[in-house]
Protein backbone atom coordinates (compact mmCIF):
# COMPACT_ATOMS: atom_id res chain seq x y z
CA MET A 1 14.61 20.64 -21.55
CA LYS A 2 16.39 20.65 -18.17
CA LEU A 3 13.10 21.54 -16.46
CA LEU A 4 11.38 18.58 -18.10
CA PHE A 5 14.15 16.25 -16.96
CA LEU A 6 13.97 17.62 -13.44
CA LEU A 7 10.21 17.16 -13.31
CA LEU A 8 10.55 13.56 -14.48
CA VAL A 9 13.14 12.81 -11.83
CA VAL A 10 11.10 14.39 -9.03
CA SER A 11 7.98 12.58 -10.20
CA ALA A 12 9.76 9.21 -10.30
CA CYS A 13 11.22 9.68 -6.84
CA SER A 14 7.93 10.72 -5.25
CA SER A 15 6.00 7.81 -6.79
CA ASN A 16 8.58 5.29 -5.60
CA LYS A 17 8.60 6.64 -2.06
CA ALA A 18 4.95 5.65 -1.53
CA SER A 19 5.76 2.09 -2.65
CA GLN A 20 8.84 1.62 -0.48
CA LEU A 21 8.01 -0.40 2.58
CA HIS A 22 8.48 1.76 5.66
CA GLN A 23 10.12 0.38 8.79
CA ALA A 24 6.86 0.36 10.78
CA SER A 25 5.02 -1.37 7.92
CA LYS A 26 7.26 -4.42 8.26
CA ASN A 27 5.32 -5.33 11.40
CA VAL A 28 1.93 -5.27 9.62
CA GLU A 29 0.78 -8.80 8.79
CA VAL A 30 -1.15 -9.82 5.67
CA PHE A 31 -3.93 -12.15 6.83
CA GLU A 32 -5.31 -14.85 4.55
CA ASN A 33 -8.74 -14.69 6.25
CA VAL A 34 -10.64 -12.14 8.31
CA PRO A 35 -9.11 -12.34 11.80
CA THR A 36 -11.24 -12.94 14.86
CA ASP A 37 -10.99 -10.76 17.95
CA CYS A 38 -9.71 -7.83 15.91
CA ASN A 39 -11.22 -4.42 15.21
CA VAL A 40 -11.55 -2.86 11.76
CA VAL A 41 -9.42 0.29 11.54
CA GLY A 42 -10.48 1.23 8.01
CA LYS A 43 -10.39 0.58 4.29
CA ILE A 44 -7.26 1.28 2.29
CA GLU A 45 -6.17 1.31 -1.33
CA GLY A 46 -2.58 0.74 -2.28
CA ILE A 47 -1.64 1.99 -5.74
CA ASN A 48 1.33 1.53 -8.04
CA LYS A 49 1.34 3.35 -11.33
CA GLN A 50 3.90 1.00 -12.89
CA GLY A 51 1.56 -2.02 -12.46
CA SER A 52 3.46 -3.82 -9.70
CA LYS A 53 1.26 -5.81 -7.31
CA GLU A 54 4.04 -6.03 -4.76
CA LEU A 55 4.59 -2.26 -4.72
CA ALA A 56 0.85 -1.61 -4.53
CA LEU A 57 0.75 -3.95 -1.54
CA ASN A 58 3.65 -2.06 0.05
CA HIS A 59 1.68 1.18 -0.36
CA ALA A 60 -1.31 -0.46 1.35
CA LEU A 61 0.84 -1.75 4.21
CA ASN A 62 2.33 1.72 4.69
CA GLN A 63 -1.18 3.18 4.97
CA ALA A 64 -2.22 0.46 7.42
CA ALA A 65 0.80 1.14 9.64
CA ASP A 66 0.00 4.86 9.60
CA MET A 67 -3.50 4.00 10.82
CA GLY A 68 -2.13 1.88 13.70
CA ALA A 69 -3.24 -1.43 12.14
CA THR A 70 -1.50 -4.69 12.96
CA GLY A 71 -2.72 -6.51 9.86
CA ILE A 72 -4.66 -6.31 6.63
CA VAL A 73 -6.83 -8.55 4.51
CA VAL A 74 -6.58 -7.95 0.78
CA ASN A 75 -10.11 -7.80 -0.62
CA GLN A 76 -9.33 -7.16 -4.27
CA GLU A 77 -6.46 -6.65 -6.69
CA VAL A 78 -7.37 -4.45 -9.66
CA PRO A 79 -5.06 -4.19 -12.64
CA ASN A 80 -5.92 -1.26 -14.93
CA GLY A 81 -3.47 -0.84 -17.78
CA ASN A 82 -0.18 0.24 -16.22
CA LYS A 83 -1.80 0.89 -12.80
CA MET A 84 -2.31 -1.73 -10.06
CA SER A 85 -4.61 -1.17 -7.10
CA VAL A 86 -4.84 -3.30 -3.97
CA HIS A 87 -8.01 -2.80 -1.92
CA ALA A 88 -7.77 -4.01 1.65
CA THR A 89 -9.32 -3.79 5.09
CA ALA A 90 -7.02 -2.80 7.95
CA TYR A 91 -7.34 -4.47 11.38
CA ARG A 92 -5.92 -3.85 14.83
CA CYS A 93 -5.53 -7.01 16.86
CA GLU A 94 -4.61 -6.95 20.53
């Protein structure tokens, strides 16, 4: 029983960590439209298993910051039961 409780606590903590907005991610902008004079860094998918769009977006912004992006454009938001996915394109603008 104690092991099950410990596994649940560790699982909850690890899933929340991905959704917490990191310090570097606070500088990543969410663009309404595809920016001009910017380079595509890559495609990303932010996921939150509790169904929160905001936390899925935080996960996407964290990934973008890790890639050196300065902004993202959200291409699609996909709710799937309790899971929310945010698909985006990451850009680096000079």
